[in-house]
């Protein structure tokens, strides 16, 4: 959130403004688990057929696409960690879905 003191108006800030979605790797993993569980519930409504192959293929594709196509490779160690967590989240989504069937 952006907070402005009473009576003051927002103004342009010189320099860079960094935005971190997560404070730690642990927090990122916890949130990924939460959203994977929620996403697995949405899969129930889709008419797309699901097989065990997606449990393997989708996480691999998620890693490849985030690391190479979305240039996570340029972020060094942080990039690979983020891409691995994204891949893990994709795996969990389909795992939770299969577990509920």
N, C-alpha and C. Protein backbone atom coordinates (compact mmCIF):
# COMPACT_ATOMS: atom_id res chain seq x y z
N UNK A 1 0.84 -1.19 0.00
CA UNK A 1 0.00 0.00 0.00
C UNK A 1 0.87 1.23 0.00
N UNK A 2 0.31 2.27 -0.50
CA UNK A 2 0.99 3.56 -0.50
C UNK A 2 0.27 4.45 0.50
N UNK A 3 1.00 4.92 1.48
CA UNK A 3 0.40 5.80 2.49
C UNK A 3 0.94 7.21 2.34
N UNK A 4 0.03 8.17 2.35
CA UNK A 4 0.41 9.57 2.25
C UNK A 4 -0.10 10.26 3.50
N UNK A 5 0.74 11.08 4.09
CA UNK A 5 0.33 11.80 5.30
C UNK A 5 -0.82 12.75 4.98
N UNK A 6 -1.64 13.00 5.97
CA UNK A 6 -2.79 13.90 5.78
C UNK A 6 -2.33 15.24 5.23
N UNK A 7 -3.02 15.68 4.18
CA UNK A 7 -2.73 16.99 3.59
C UNK A 7 -1.64 16.96 2.54
N UNK A 8 -0.89 15.90 2.44
CA UNK A 8 0.16 15.83 1.43
C UNK A 8 -0.36 15.16 0.17
N UNK A 9 0.24 15.51 -0.96
CA UNK A 9 -0.14 14.92 -2.23
C UNK A 9 0.99 13.99 -2.69
N UNK A 10 0.63 12.87 -3.33
CA UNK A 10 1.69 11.98 -3.86
C UNK A 10 2.54 12.74 -4.87
N UNK A 11 3.83 12.40 -4.92
CA UNK A 11 4.71 13.03 -5.89
C UNK A 11 5.66 12.01 -6.48
N UNK A 12 6.24 12.33 -7.59
CA UNK A 12 7.16 11.47 -8.30
C UNK A 12 8.43 11.29 -7.47
N UNK A 13 8.86 10.04 -7.37
CA UNK A 13 10.06 9.73 -6.59
C UNK A 13 11.20 9.44 -7.57
N UNK A 14 12.34 10.03 -7.30
CA UNK A 14 13.52 9.79 -8.13
C UNK A 14 14.11 8.43 -7.76
N UNK A 15 14.66 7.73 -8.75
CA UNK A 15 15.35 6.47 -8.48
C UNK A 15 14.47 5.26 -8.70
N UNK A 16 14.94 4.14 -8.18
CA UNK A 16 14.25 2.87 -8.37
C UNK A 16 13.36 2.55 -7.18
N UNK A 17 12.26 1.89 -7.45
CA UNK A 17 11.36 1.43 -6.40
C UNK A 17 11.27 -0.08 -6.53
N UNK A 18 11.78 -0.80 -5.53
CA UNK A 18 11.77 -2.25 -5.58
C UNK A 18 10.51 -2.79 -4.92
N UNK A 19 9.95 -3.83 -5.55
CA UNK A 19 8.75 -4.47 -5.02
C UNK A 19 9.04 -5.95 -4.85
N UNK A 20 8.97 -6.42 -3.63
CA UNK A 20 9.20 -7.83 -3.36
C UNK A 20 7.88 -8.47 -2.96
N UNK A 21 7.48 -9.50 -3.70
CA UNK A 21 6.21 -10.18 -3.44
C UNK A 21 6.29 -11.06 -2.20
N UNK A 22 7.49 -11.52 -1.89
CA UNK A 22 7.69 -12.42 -0.76
C UNK A 22 8.88 -11.93 0.05
N UNK A 23 8.81 -12.14 1.35
CA UNK A 23 9.92 -11.72 2.21
C UNK A 23 10.99 -12.80 2.34
N UNK A 24 10.63 -14.05 2.00
CA UNK A 24 11.58 -15.15 2.12
C UNK A 24 11.16 -16.29 1.20
N UNK A 25 12.08 -17.22 1.01
CA UNK A 25 11.77 -18.41 0.21
C UNK A 25 10.68 -19.22 0.92
N UNK A 26 10.77 -19.30 2.23
CA UNK A 26 9.77 -20.04 3.01
C UNK A 26 8.37 -19.46 2.77
N UNK A 27 8.25 -18.15 2.81
CA UNK A 27 6.97 -17.49 2.59
C UNK A 27 6.46 -17.75 1.16
N UNK A 28 7.36 -17.76 0.21
CA UNK A 28 7.00 -18.03 -1.18
C UNK A 28 6.44 -19.45 -1.31
N UNK A 29 7.08 -20.42 -0.68
CA UNK A 29 6.63 -21.81 -0.74
C UNK A 29 5.28 -21.97 -0.06
N UNK A 30 5.09 -21.34 1.08
CA UNK A 30 3.81 -21.43 1.80
C UNK A 30 2.68 -20.87 0.93
N UNK A 31 2.91 -19.73 0.31
CA UNK A 31 1.88 -19.12 -0.54
C UNK A 31 1.64 -19.96 -1.80
N UNK A 32 2.70 -20.56 -2.33
CA UNK A 32 2.56 -21.43 -3.50
C UNK A 32 1.69 -22.64 -3.17
N UNK A 33 1.89 -23.23 -2.00
CA UNK A 33 1.07 -24.36 -1.59
C UNK A 33 -0.40 -23.96 -1.48
N UNK A 34 -0.64 -22.80 -0.91
CA UNK A 34 -2.02 -22.31 -0.74
C UNK A 34 -2.70 -22.14 -2.10
N UNK A 35 -2.02 -21.45 -3.02
CA UNK A 35 -2.62 -21.18 -4.32
C UNK A 35 -2.72 -22.44 -5.18
N UNK A 36 -1.81 -23.39 -4.99
CA UNK A 36 -1.90 -24.65 -5.72
C UNK A 36 -3.13 -25.43 -5.30
N UNK A 37 -3.41 -25.41 -4.01
CA UNK A 37 -4.60 -26.09 -3.50
C UNK A 37 -5.87 -25.44 -4.07
N UNK A 38 -5.90 -24.12 -4.08
CA UNK A 38 -7.06 -23.41 -4.64
C UNK A 38 -7.20 -23.67 -6.14
N UNK A 39 -6.09 -23.68 -6.86
CA UNK A 39 -6.12 -23.93 -8.31
C UNK A 39 -6.59 -25.34 -8.61
N UNK A 40 -6.25 -26.28 -7.75
CA UNK A 40 -6.68 -27.66 -7.98
C UNK A 40 -8.20 -27.78 -7.89
N UNK A 41 -8.81 -26.96 -7.07
CA UNK A 41 -10.27 -26.96 -6.97
C UNK A 41 -10.92 -26.44 -8.25
N UNK A 42 -10.27 -25.49 -8.90
CA UNK A 42 -10.80 -24.95 -10.15
C UNK A 42 -10.73 -25.96 -11.29
N UNK A 43 -9.80 -26.92 -11.19
CA UNK A 43 -9.68 -27.93 -12.23
C UNK A 43 -10.92 -28.80 -12.33
N UNK A 44 -11.65 -28.93 -11.24
CA UNK A 44 -12.87 -29.75 -11.24
C UNK A 44 -13.87 -29.24 -12.28
N UNK A 45 -13.91 -27.93 -12.47
CA UNK A 45 -14.88 -27.32 -13.38
C UNK A 45 -14.46 -27.37 -14.85
N UNK A 46 -13.20 -27.68 -15.10
CA UNK A 46 -12.73 -27.71 -16.48
C UNK A 46 -13.11 -29.04 -17.13
N UNK A 47 -13.41 -28.99 -18.41
CA UNK A 47 -13.82 -30.19 -19.13
C UNK A 47 -12.62 -30.91 -19.76
N UNK A 48 -11.44 -30.34 -19.58
CA UNK A 48 -10.23 -30.93 -20.13
C UNK A 48 -9.93 -32.25 -19.41
N UNK A 49 -9.56 -33.26 -20.19
CA UNK A 49 -9.21 -34.55 -19.60
C UNK A 49 -7.88 -34.43 -18.90
N UNK A 50 -7.75 -35.16 -17.82
CA UNK A 50 -6.53 -35.10 -17.05
C UNK A 50 -5.96 -36.50 -16.89
N UNK A 51 -4.69 -36.64 -17.14
CA UNK A 51 -4.00 -37.91 -16.95
C UNK A 51 -2.75 -37.68 -16.12
N UNK A 52 -2.16 -38.76 -15.72
CA UNK A 52 -0.95 -38.66 -14.88
C UNK A 52 0.21 -38.01 -15.62
N UNK A 53 0.16 -38.02 -16.94
CA UNK A 53 1.23 -37.40 -17.72
C UNK A 53 1.36 -35.92 -17.40
N UNK A 54 0.24 -35.26 -17.10
CA UNK A 54 0.28 -33.82 -16.77
C UNK A 54 0.99 -33.58 -15.44
N UNK A 55 0.94 -34.57 -14.57
CA UNK A 55 1.63 -34.44 -13.29
C UNK A 55 3.13 -34.29 -13.49
N UNK A 56 3.64 -34.85 -14.58
CA UNK A 56 5.06 -34.75 -14.90
C UNK A 56 5.33 -33.63 -15.90
N UNK A 57 4.54 -33.61 -16.97
CA UNK A 57 4.77 -32.67 -18.07
C UNK A 57 4.59 -31.20 -17.66
N UNK A 58 3.49 -30.89 -16.98
CA UNK A 58 3.18 -29.49 -16.65
C UNK A 58 4.25 -28.84 -15.79
N UNK A 59 4.74 -29.49 -14.72
CA UNK A 59 5.81 -28.86 -13.93
C UNK A 59 7.09 -28.65 -14.72
N UNK A 60 7.43 -29.62 -15.58
CA UNK A 60 8.63 -29.45 -16.41
C UNK A 60 8.48 -28.28 -17.37
N UNK A 61 7.30 -28.17 -17.97
CA UNK A 61 7.04 -27.05 -18.88
C UNK A 61 7.05 -25.73 -18.12
N UNK A 62 6.50 -25.71 -16.91
CA UNK A 62 6.48 -24.48 -16.11
C UNK A 62 7.91 -24.02 -15.83
N UNK A 63 8.78 -24.96 -15.46
CA UNK A 63 10.17 -24.59 -15.21
C UNK A 63 10.82 -24.05 -16.47
N UNK A 64 10.68 -24.80 -17.57
CA UNK A 64 11.30 -24.38 -18.83
C UNK A 64 10.81 -23.00 -19.26
N UNK A 65 9.50 -22.80 -19.20
CA UNK A 65 8.95 -21.53 -19.68
C UNK A 65 9.34 -20.35 -18.80
N UNK A 66 9.37 -20.55 -17.48
CA UNK A 66 9.74 -19.43 -16.61
C UNK A 66 11.25 -19.18 -16.59
N UNK A 67 12.03 -20.25 -16.70
CA UNK A 67 13.48 -20.08 -16.63
C UNK A 67 14.06 -19.57 -17.95
N UNK A 68 13.58 -20.12 -19.05
CA UNK A 68 14.16 -19.75 -20.34
C UNK A 68 13.31 -18.73 -21.11
N UNK A 69 12.03 -19.00 -21.30
CA UNK A 69 11.21 -18.11 -22.11
C UNK A 69 10.92 -16.78 -21.43
N UNK A 70 10.73 -16.81 -20.11
CA UNK A 70 10.48 -15.57 -19.38
C UNK A 70 11.77 -15.01 -18.76
N UNK A 71 12.89 -15.59 -19.15
CA UNK A 71 14.24 -15.10 -18.82
C UNK A 71 14.59 -15.12 -17.34
N UNK A 72 14.06 -16.08 -16.60
CA UNK A 72 14.47 -16.26 -15.21
C UNK A 72 15.95 -16.58 -15.11
N UNK A 73 16.51 -17.11 -16.18
CA UNK A 73 17.93 -17.43 -16.23
C UNK A 73 18.80 -16.20 -15.98
N UNK A 74 18.29 -15.02 -16.31
CA UNK A 74 19.05 -13.78 -16.12
C UNK A 74 19.11 -13.34 -14.66
N UNK A 75 18.30 -13.95 -13.80
CA UNK A 75 18.26 -13.57 -12.39
C UNK A 75 19.19 -14.39 -11.51
N UNK A 76 20.04 -15.19 -12.12
CA UNK A 76 21.03 -15.97 -11.36
C UNK A 76 20.39 -16.98 -10.43
N UNK A 77 20.98 -17.09 -9.22
CA UNK A 77 20.49 -18.06 -8.24
C UNK A 77 19.03 -17.81 -7.86
N UNK A 78 18.67 -16.55 -7.72
CA UNK A 78 17.28 -16.23 -7.36
C UNK A 78 16.32 -16.69 -8.46
N UNK A 79 16.73 -16.55 -9.69
CA UNK A 79 15.90 -16.96 -10.82
C UNK A 79 15.62 -18.45 -10.80
N UNK A 80 16.65 -19.24 -10.54
CA UNK A 80 16.44 -20.69 -10.54
C UNK A 80 15.58 -21.11 -9.36
N UNK A 81 15.75 -20.47 -8.21
CA UNK A 81 14.92 -20.79 -7.04
C UNK A 81 13.46 -20.47 -7.32
N UNK A 82 13.20 -19.30 -7.87
CA UNK A 82 11.82 -18.90 -8.18
C UNK A 82 11.21 -19.86 -9.20
N UNK A 83 11.97 -20.22 -10.22
CA UNK A 83 11.44 -21.12 -11.25
C UNK A 83 11.18 -22.52 -10.69
N UNK A 84 12.03 -22.98 -9.79
CA UNK A 84 11.79 -24.28 -9.15
C UNK A 84 10.53 -24.25 -8.29
N UNK A 85 10.33 -23.16 -7.57
CA UNK A 85 9.12 -23.04 -6.75
C UNK A 85 7.88 -22.98 -7.63
N UNK A 86 7.96 -22.28 -8.75
CA UNK A 86 6.83 -22.23 -9.68
C UNK A 86 6.52 -23.62 -10.23
N UNK A 87 7.55 -24.36 -10.56
CA UNK A 87 7.39 -25.72 -11.05
C UNK A 87 6.77 -26.61 -9.97
N UNK A 88 7.23 -26.47 -8.76
CA UNK A 88 6.69 -27.21 -7.62
C UNK A 88 5.21 -26.89 -7.44
N UNK A 89 4.84 -25.65 -7.59
CA UNK A 89 3.44 -25.24 -7.48
C UNK A 89 2.58 -25.89 -8.54
N UNK A 90 3.11 -25.99 -9.75
CA UNK A 90 2.39 -26.65 -10.83
C UNK A 90 2.19 -28.12 -10.51
N UNK A 91 3.22 -28.77 -10.00
CA UNK A 91 3.12 -30.17 -9.60
C UNK A 91 2.05 -30.34 -8.52
N UNK A 92 2.09 -29.49 -7.50
CA UNK A 92 1.14 -29.59 -6.39
C UNK A 92 -0.30 -29.42 -6.86
N UNK A 93 -0.54 -28.52 -7.81
CA UNK A 93 -1.89 -28.30 -8.31
C UNK A 93 -2.49 -29.60 -8.83
N UNK A 94 -1.75 -30.30 -9.65
CA UNK A 94 -2.25 -31.55 -10.22
C UNK A 94 -2.24 -32.69 -9.20
N UNK A 95 -1.28 -32.67 -8.30
CA UNK A 95 -1.25 -33.68 -7.23
C UNK A 95 -2.49 -33.56 -6.34
N UNK A 96 -2.79 -32.34 -5.92
CA UNK A 96 -3.98 -32.13 -5.07
C UNK A 96 -5.25 -32.53 -5.82
N UNK A 97 -5.30 -32.21 -7.10
CA UNK A 97 -6.46 -32.57 -7.91
C UNK A 97 -6.65 -34.09 -7.95
N UNK A 98 -5.57 -34.81 -8.21
CA UNK A 98 -5.65 -36.27 -8.26
C UNK A 98 -6.02 -36.86 -6.90
N UNK A 99 -5.51 -36.27 -5.87
CA UNK A 99 -5.77 -36.75 -4.50
C UNK A 99 -7.26 -36.64 -4.16
N UNK A 100 -7.94 -35.63 -4.69
CA UNK A 100 -9.36 -35.40 -4.39
C UNK A 100 -10.29 -36.24 -5.24
N UNK A 101 -9.81 -36.73 -6.37
CA UNK A 101 -10.68 -37.49 -7.28
C UNK A 101 -11.14 -38.79 -6.69
